[in-house]
Amino acid sequence: MKCRNILILAFVAAFAGGCATADFILMNPGTTYPAIENVQIILEEPTRKHIVIGIIEGDGSQYNNQAQIVRAMQKKAGIIGAHAIMIMSTESQYVPTTTHANPISSGRPITLRGGTTYKIKAVAIRYVD
């Protein structure tokens, strides 16, 4: 019985835990830049000379907040060599609470709480001065 409960918890954590993710599109896929450790978050175009090296899109489940998504975006931007990301848009959508059959046994169903999901888009900026 104890083992079955642990399996159920593991399934729920994997299925419902959802993590914030980020993906990117490079403006010039043939050009690479060294990785950057500390990527800034900016809300308006910098006055410093720069180029846009890509578009970053982050999203998460109802178990993630916007800060977690932006941190995932910063990490991805650093990998492609961006010094900063400039947030361009944020979309949100409410996901209702759902109930699912228990995959481990025919016991109690599993309920996943509803909440708001977010999709955030930004441009990846590299300073050239």
N, C-alpha and C. Protein backbone atom coordinates (compact mmCIF):
# COMPACT_ATOMS: atom_id res chain seq x y z
N MET A 1 0.83 -1.20 0.00
CA MET A 1 0.00 0.00 0.00
C MET A 1 0.87 1.26 0.00
N LYS A 2 1.92 1.28 0.83
CA LYS A 2 2.80 2.42 0.92
C LYS A 2 3.53 2.65 -0.41
N CYS A 3 3.96 1.57 -1.03
CA CYS A 3 4.64 1.65 -2.32
C CYS A 3 3.70 2.22 -3.39
N ARG A 4 2.44 1.79 -3.36
CA ARG A 4 1.46 2.28 -4.34
C ARG A 4 1.26 3.79 -4.17
N ASN A 5 1.18 4.27 -2.94
CA ASN A 5 1.01 5.71 -2.68
C ASN A 5 2.21 6.50 -3.18
N ILE A 6 3.40 5.95 -3.02
CA ILE A 6 4.61 6.61 -3.51
C ILE A 6 4.57 6.69 -5.04
N LEU A 7 4.15 5.62 -5.70
CA LEU A 7 4.04 5.64 -7.16
C LEU A 7 3.01 6.67 -7.63
N ILE A 8 1.90 6.77 -6.93
CA ILE A 8 0.88 7.75 -7.29
C ILE A 8 1.44 9.16 -7.14
N LEU A 9 2.13 9.42 -6.03
CA LEU A 9 2.73 10.74 -5.83
C LEU A 9 3.77 11.06 -6.90
N ALA A 10 4.56 10.08 -7.27
CA ALA A 10 5.57 10.30 -8.32
C ALA A 10 4.91 10.64 -9.65
N PHE A 11 3.82 9.94 -9.97
CA PHE A 11 3.11 10.23 -11.22
C PHE A 11 2.53 11.64 -11.20
N VAL A 12 1.88 12.00 -10.12
CA VAL A 12 1.28 13.33 -10.02
C VAL A 12 2.35 14.40 -10.11
N ALA A 13 3.48 14.20 -9.45
CA ALA A 13 4.57 15.19 -9.50
C ALA A 13 5.10 15.34 -10.92
N ALA A 14 5.25 14.23 -11.62
CA ALA A 14 5.77 14.29 -12.99
C ALA A 14 4.75 14.90 -13.94
N PHE A 15 3.48 14.53 -13.76
CA PHE A 15 2.44 15.00 -14.68
C PHE A 15 2.04 16.44 -14.40
N ALA A 16 1.88 16.78 -13.14
CA ALA A 16 1.33 18.08 -12.77
C ALA A 16 2.39 19.10 -12.41
N GLY A 17 3.58 18.65 -12.09
CA GLY A 17 4.60 19.57 -11.61
C GLY A 17 4.99 20.60 -12.64
N GLY A 18 4.99 20.22 -13.88
CA GLY A 18 5.31 21.13 -14.98
C GLY A 18 6.44 22.09 -14.66
N CYS A 19 7.33 22.28 -15.55
CA CYS A 19 8.39 23.24 -15.28
C CYS A 19 8.35 24.32 -16.35
N ALA A 20 8.89 25.46 -15.97
CA ALA A 20 8.97 26.56 -16.92
C ALA A 20 10.01 26.21 -17.98
N THR A 21 9.69 26.47 -19.23
CA THR A 21 10.61 26.17 -20.32
C THR A 21 10.79 27.39 -21.20
N ALA A 22 11.86 27.39 -21.95
CA ALA A 22 12.13 28.47 -22.89
C ALA A 22 12.75 27.88 -24.14
N ASP A 23 12.44 28.48 -25.26
CA ASP A 23 13.02 28.07 -26.53
C ASP A 23 13.40 29.32 -27.29
N PHE A 24 14.23 29.19 -28.31
CA PHE A 24 14.69 30.37 -29.03
C PHE A 24 14.77 30.11 -30.53
N ILE A 25 14.74 31.21 -31.25
CA ILE A 25 14.97 31.21 -32.69
C ILE A 25 16.09 32.21 -32.93
N LEU A 26 17.17 31.77 -33.54
CA LEU A 26 18.28 32.67 -33.83
C LEU A 26 17.99 33.47 -35.09
N MET A 27 18.37 34.73 -35.07
CA MET A 27 18.19 35.59 -36.24
C MET A 27 19.15 35.17 -37.35
N ASN A 28 20.35 34.74 -36.96
CA ASN A 28 21.36 34.30 -37.92
C ASN A 28 21.95 32.99 -37.40
N PRO A 29 21.34 31.86 -37.75
CA PRO A 29 21.77 30.58 -37.19
C PRO A 29 23.25 30.23 -37.42
N GLY A 30 23.88 30.84 -38.38
CA GLY A 30 25.29 30.55 -38.66
C GLY A 30 26.26 31.28 -37.75
N THR A 31 25.78 32.23 -36.97
CA THR A 31 26.63 33.01 -36.08
C THR A 31 26.47 32.52 -34.65
N THR A 32 27.60 32.31 -33.98
CA THR A 32 27.55 31.90 -32.58
C THR A 32 28.29 32.92 -31.72
N TYR A 33 27.91 32.98 -30.45
CA TYR A 33 28.52 33.89 -29.49
C TYR A 33 28.85 33.11 -28.23
N PRO A 34 29.85 33.59 -27.47
CA PRO A 34 30.16 32.91 -26.22
C PRO A 34 29.00 33.08 -25.22
N ALA A 35 28.83 32.09 -24.38
CA ALA A 35 27.75 32.12 -23.38
C ALA A 35 27.97 33.28 -22.39
N ILE A 36 26.86 33.76 -21.85
CA ILE A 36 26.87 34.86 -20.88
C ILE A 36 26.26 34.34 -19.58
N GLU A 37 26.90 34.65 -18.45
CA GLU A 37 26.41 34.20 -17.15
C GLU A 37 25.19 34.98 -16.65
N ASN A 38 25.28 36.29 -16.63
CA ASN A 38 24.23 37.13 -16.04
C ASN A 38 23.51 37.93 -17.11
N VAL A 39 22.35 37.44 -17.51
CA VAL A 39 21.56 38.09 -18.55
C VAL A 39 20.61 39.09 -17.90
N GLN A 40 20.65 40.34 -18.37
CA GLN A 40 19.78 41.39 -17.84
C GLN A 40 18.36 41.23 -18.38
N ILE A 41 17.41 41.77 -17.64
CA ILE A 41 16.03 41.89 -18.11
C ILE A 41 15.79 43.37 -18.32
N ILE A 42 15.42 43.75 -19.54
CA ILE A 42 15.15 45.16 -19.81
C ILE A 42 13.73 45.30 -20.37
N LEU A 43 13.14 46.46 -20.16
CA LEU A 43 11.76 46.67 -20.58
C LEU A 43 11.62 47.64 -21.73
N GLU A 44 12.73 48.28 -22.10
CA GLU A 44 12.70 49.17 -23.27
C GLU A 44 14.02 49.03 -24.01
N GLU A 45 14.01 49.45 -25.26
CA GLU A 45 15.20 49.30 -26.09
C GLU A 45 16.38 50.06 -25.48
N PRO A 46 17.53 49.42 -25.38
CA PRO A 46 18.68 50.08 -24.75
C PRO A 46 19.26 51.18 -25.64
N THR A 47 19.84 52.17 -24.99
CA THR A 47 20.52 53.23 -25.73
C THR A 47 21.92 52.78 -26.16
N ARG A 48 22.42 51.78 -25.49
CA ARG A 48 23.71 51.19 -25.81
C ARG A 48 23.64 50.49 -27.17
N LYS A 49 24.72 50.55 -27.94
CA LYS A 49 24.73 49.91 -29.26
C LYS A 49 24.57 48.40 -29.09
N HIS A 50 23.66 47.81 -29.89
CA HIS A 50 23.34 46.39 -29.73
C HIS A 50 22.80 45.80 -31.03
N ILE A 51 22.71 44.48 -31.02
CA ILE A 51 22.05 43.76 -32.11
C ILE A 51 21.07 42.78 -31.49
N VAL A 52 20.03 42.46 -32.23
CA VAL A 52 19.08 41.43 -31.79
C VAL A 52 19.58 40.11 -32.38
N ILE A 53 19.87 39.15 -31.49
CA ILE A 53 20.41 37.88 -31.98
C ILE A 53 19.37 36.76 -32.01
N GLY A 54 18.20 37.01 -31.42
CA GLY A 54 17.19 35.96 -31.46
C GLY A 54 15.91 36.35 -30.76
N ILE A 55 14.95 35.46 -30.84
CA ILE A 55 13.66 35.60 -30.17
C ILE A 55 13.56 34.45 -29.17
N ILE A 56 13.20 34.80 -27.94
CA ILE A 56 13.07 33.80 -26.87
C ILE A 56 11.59 33.73 -26.49
N GLU A 57 11.08 32.52 -26.36
CA GLU A 57 9.69 32.33 -25.91
C GLU A 57 9.70 31.38 -24.72
N GLY A 58 9.09 31.83 -23.63
CA GLY A 58 9.02 31.00 -22.43
C GLY A 58 7.58 30.70 -22.07
N ASP A 59 7.36 29.52 -21.51
CA ASP A 59 6.01 29.20 -21.04
C ASP A 59 6.09 28.24 -19.88
N GLY A 60 4.99 28.14 -19.18
CA GLY A 60 4.93 27.26 -18.02
C GLY A 60 3.51 26.81 -17.77
N SER A 61 3.38 25.87 -16.87
CA SER A 61 2.06 25.36 -16.52
C SER A 61 1.43 26.25 -15.47
N GLN A 62 0.25 25.86 -14.99
CA GLN A 62 -0.41 26.63 -13.95
C GLN A 62 0.34 26.54 -12.63
N TYR A 63 1.37 25.74 -12.56
CA TYR A 63 2.18 25.60 -11.35
C TYR A 63 3.40 26.50 -11.38
N ASN A 64 3.57 27.29 -12.43
CA ASN A 64 4.70 28.21 -12.55
C ASN A 64 4.21 29.64 -12.50
N ASN A 65 5.03 30.52 -11.95
CA ASN A 65 4.72 31.94 -12.00
C ASN A 65 5.58 32.61 -13.08
N GLN A 66 5.31 33.87 -13.34
CA GLN A 66 6.02 34.57 -14.41
C GLN A 66 7.52 34.67 -14.13
N ALA A 67 7.90 34.83 -12.87
CA ALA A 67 9.32 34.93 -12.53
C ALA A 67 10.07 33.66 -12.90
N GLN A 68 9.48 32.50 -12.66
CA GLN A 68 10.12 31.23 -13.02
C GLN A 68 10.31 31.12 -14.52
N ILE A 69 9.33 31.59 -15.27
CA ILE A 69 9.42 31.54 -16.73
C ILE A 69 10.51 32.48 -17.23
N VAL A 70 10.56 33.69 -16.68
CA VAL A 70 11.59 34.65 -17.10
C VAL A 70 12.98 34.13 -16.75
N ARG A 71 13.13 33.48 -15.60
CA ARG A 71 14.44 32.91 -15.25
C ARG A 71 14.86 31.83 -16.27
N ALA A 72 13.91 31.02 -16.71
CA ALA A 72 14.21 30.01 -17.74
C ALA A 72 14.63 30.71 -19.04
N MET A 73 13.97 31.82 -19.35
CA MET A 73 14.31 32.57 -20.56
C MET A 73 15.71 33.18 -20.44
N GLN A 74 16.05 33.71 -19.27
CA GLN A 74 17.39 34.27 -19.06
C GLN A 74 18.46 33.19 -19.26
N LYS A 75 18.21 32.03 -18.72
CA LYS A 75 19.17 30.93 -18.85
C LYS A 75 19.38 30.56 -20.31
N LYS A 76 18.29 30.44 -21.07
CA LYS A 76 18.38 30.09 -22.49
C LYS A 76 19.08 31.21 -23.26
N ALA A 77 18.77 32.47 -22.93
CA ALA A 77 19.41 33.61 -23.60
C ALA A 77 20.91 33.61 -23.35
N GLY A 78 21.31 33.28 -22.13
CA GLY A 78 22.73 33.21 -21.81
C GLY A 78 23.46 32.16 -22.63
N ILE A 79 22.80 31.05 -22.88
CA ILE A 79 23.39 29.97 -23.68
C ILE A 79 23.70 30.45 -25.10
N ILE A 80 22.81 31.28 -25.66
CA ILE A 80 23.04 31.74 -27.04
C ILE A 80 23.89 33.01 -27.11
N GLY A 81 24.33 33.52 -25.94
CA GLY A 81 25.24 34.67 -25.92
C GLY A 81 24.58 36.02 -25.82
N ALA A 82 23.35 36.08 -25.35
CA ALA A 82 22.67 37.38 -25.19
C ALA A 82 23.09 38.04 -23.88
N HIS A 83 23.29 39.35 -23.92
CA HIS A 83 23.57 40.11 -22.71
C HIS A 83 22.29 40.50 -21.99
N ALA A 84 21.18 40.58 -22.73
CA ALA A 84 19.91 41.01 -22.14
C ALA A 84 18.74 40.42 -22.92
N ILE A 85 17.60 40.37 -22.25
CA ILE A 85 16.35 40.06 -22.94
C ILE A 85 15.40 41.23 -22.71
N MET A 86 14.70 41.59 -23.76
CA MET A 86 13.71 42.66 -23.67
C MET A 86 12.34 42.04 -23.86
N ILE A 87 11.54 42.07 -22.81
CA ILE A 87 10.21 41.48 -22.84
C ILE A 87 9.34 42.23 -23.84
N MET A 88 8.71 41.48 -24.74
CA MET A 88 7.87 42.09 -25.77
C MET A 88 6.38 41.87 -25.50
N SER A 89 6.03 40.69 -24.99
CA SER A 89 4.61 40.41 -24.72
C SER A 89 4.46 39.31 -23.69
N THR A 90 3.32 39.35 -23.01
CA THR A 90 2.95 38.32 -22.05
C THR A 90 1.50 37.94 -22.31
N GLU A 91 1.25 36.65 -22.48
CA GLU A 91 -0.11 36.15 -22.66
C GLU A 91 -0.43 35.25 -21.49
N SER A 92 -1.68 35.29 -21.05
CA SER A 92 -2.10 34.39 -19.98
C SER A 92 -3.39 33.70 -20.37
N GLN A 93 -3.58 32.51 -19.81
CA GLN A 93 -4.79 31.74 -20.08
C GLN A 93 -5.13 30.95 -18.83
N TYR A 94 -6.41 30.95 -18.47
CA TYR A 94 -6.84 30.18 -17.31
C TYR A 94 -7.06 28.73 -17.72
N VAL A 95 -6.53 27.81 -16.94
CA VAL A 95 -6.72 26.38 -17.15
C VAL A 95 -7.58 25.87 -15.99
N PRO A 96 -8.75 25.29 -16.27
CA PRO A 96 -9.63 24.84 -15.19
C PRO A 96 -9.09 23.61 -14.46
N THR A 97 -9.58 23.39 -13.27
CA THR A 97 -9.26 22.18 -12.52
C THR A 97 -9.78 20.98 -13.28
N THR A 98 -8.98 19.92 -13.33
CA THR A 98 -9.38 18.70 -14.05
C THR A 98 -9.21 17.49 -13.15
N THR A 99 -10.01 16.48 -13.40
CA THR A 99 -9.92 15.22 -12.67
C THR A 99 -9.62 14.10 -13.66
N HIS A 100 -8.68 13.24 -13.30
CA HIS A 100 -8.24 12.17 -14.20
C HIS A 100 -8.31 10.83 -13.48
N ALA A 101 -8.49 9.80 -14.25
CA ALA A 101 -8.48 8.45 -13.69
C ALA A 101 -7.10 8.16 -13.10
N ASN A 102 -7.06 7.39 -12.06
CA ASN A 102 -5.81 7.02 -11.42
C ASN A 102 -5.13 5.95 -12.27
N PRO A 103 -3.92 6.23 -12.82
CA PRO A 103 -3.27 5.26 -13.71
C PRO A 103 -2.67 4.06 -12.99
N ILE A 104 -2.51 4.17 -11.68
CA ILE A 104 -1.88 3.09 -10.91
C ILE A 104 -2.89 2.03 -10.51
N SER A 105 -4.05 2.49 -10.11
CA SER A 105 -5.08 1.55 -9.69
C SER A 105 -6.45 2.15 -9.99
N SER A 106 -7.45 1.42 -9.72
CA SER A 106 -8.80 1.94 -9.95
C SER A 106 -9.31 2.68 -8.70
N GLY A 107 -8.38 3.20 -7.92
CA GLY A 107 -8.72 3.93 -6.70
C GLY A 107 -9.22 5.33 -6.98
N ARG A 108 -8.99 6.19 -6.03
CA ARG A 108 -9.46 7.57 -6.13
C ARG A 108 -8.87 8.28 -7.34
N PRO A 109 -9.68 9.08 -8.02
CA PRO A 109 -9.15 9.83 -9.17
C PRO A 109 -8.17 10.92 -8.71
N ILE A 110 -7.38 11.39 -9.63
CA ILE A 110 -6.39 12.43 -9.35
C ILE A 110 -6.95 13.76 -9.85
N THR A 111 -6.93 14.77 -8.99
CA THR A 111 -7.41 16.10 -9.35
C THR A 111 -6.22 17.05 -9.46
N LEU A 112 -6.13 17.73 -10.59
CA LEU A 112 -5.09 18.74 -10.82
C LEU A 112 -5.72 20.11 -10.74
N ARG A 113 -5.20 20.93 -9.86
CA ARG A 113 -5.80 22.25 -9.67
C ARG A 113 -5.62 23.13 -10.90
N GLY A 114 -6.59 23.98 -11.10
CA GLY A 114 -6.53 24.92 -12.20
C GLY A 114 -5.67 26.11 -11.84
N GLY A 115 -5.49 26.98 -12.78
CA GLY A 115 -4.69 28.18 -12.55
C GLY A 115 -4.39 28.87 -13.86
N THR A 116 -3.56 29.85 -13.79
CA THR A 116 -3.21 30.64 -14.96
C THR A 116 -1.88 30.19 -15.53
N THR A 117 -1.84 29.97 -16.84
CA THR A 117 -0.59 29.66 -17.53
C THR A 117 -0.13 30.93 -18.25
N TYR A 118 1.18 31.04 -18.45
CA TYR A 118 1.75 32.22 -19.09
C TYR A 118 2.64 31.83 -20.26
N LYS A 119 2.64 32.69 -21.27
CA LYS A 119 3.56 32.58 -22.40
C LYS A 119 4.17 33.97 -22.56
N ILE A 120 5.49 34.04 -22.47
CA ILE A 120 6.18 35.32 -22.52
C ILE A 120 7.15 35.31 -23.70
N LYS A 121 7.13 36.40 -24.47
CA LYS A 121 8.04 36.53 -25.61
C LYS A 121 8.99 37.69 -25.37
N ALA A 122 10.24 37.50 -25.80
CA ALA A 122 11.26 38.53 -25.64
C ALA A 122 12.23 38.45 -26.80
N VAL A 123 12.97 39.53 -26.98
CA VAL A 123 14.07 39.50 -27.95
C VAL A 123 15.37 39.38 -27.16
N ALA A 124 16.30 38.62 -27.72
CA ALA A 124 17.61 38.44 -27.12
C ALA A 124 18.56 39.47 -27.72
N ILE A 125 19.20 40.25 -26.86
CA ILE A 125 20.04 41.36 -27.28
C ILE A 125 21.49 41.10 -26.90
N ARG A 126 22.38 41.43 -27.83
CA ARG A 126 23.81 41.35 -27.55
C ARG A 126 24.40 42.74 -27.78
N TYR A 127 25.11 43.23 -26.77
CA TYR A 127 25.74 44.55 -26.88
C TYR A 127 26.99 44.44 -27.75
N VAL A 128 27.23 45.45 -28.58
CA VAL A 128 28.36 45.41 -29.51
C VAL A 128 29.38 46.50 -29.26
N ASP A 129 29.26 47.23 -28.17
CA ASP A 129 30.26 48.27 -27.89
C ASP A 129 31.29 47.82 -26.89
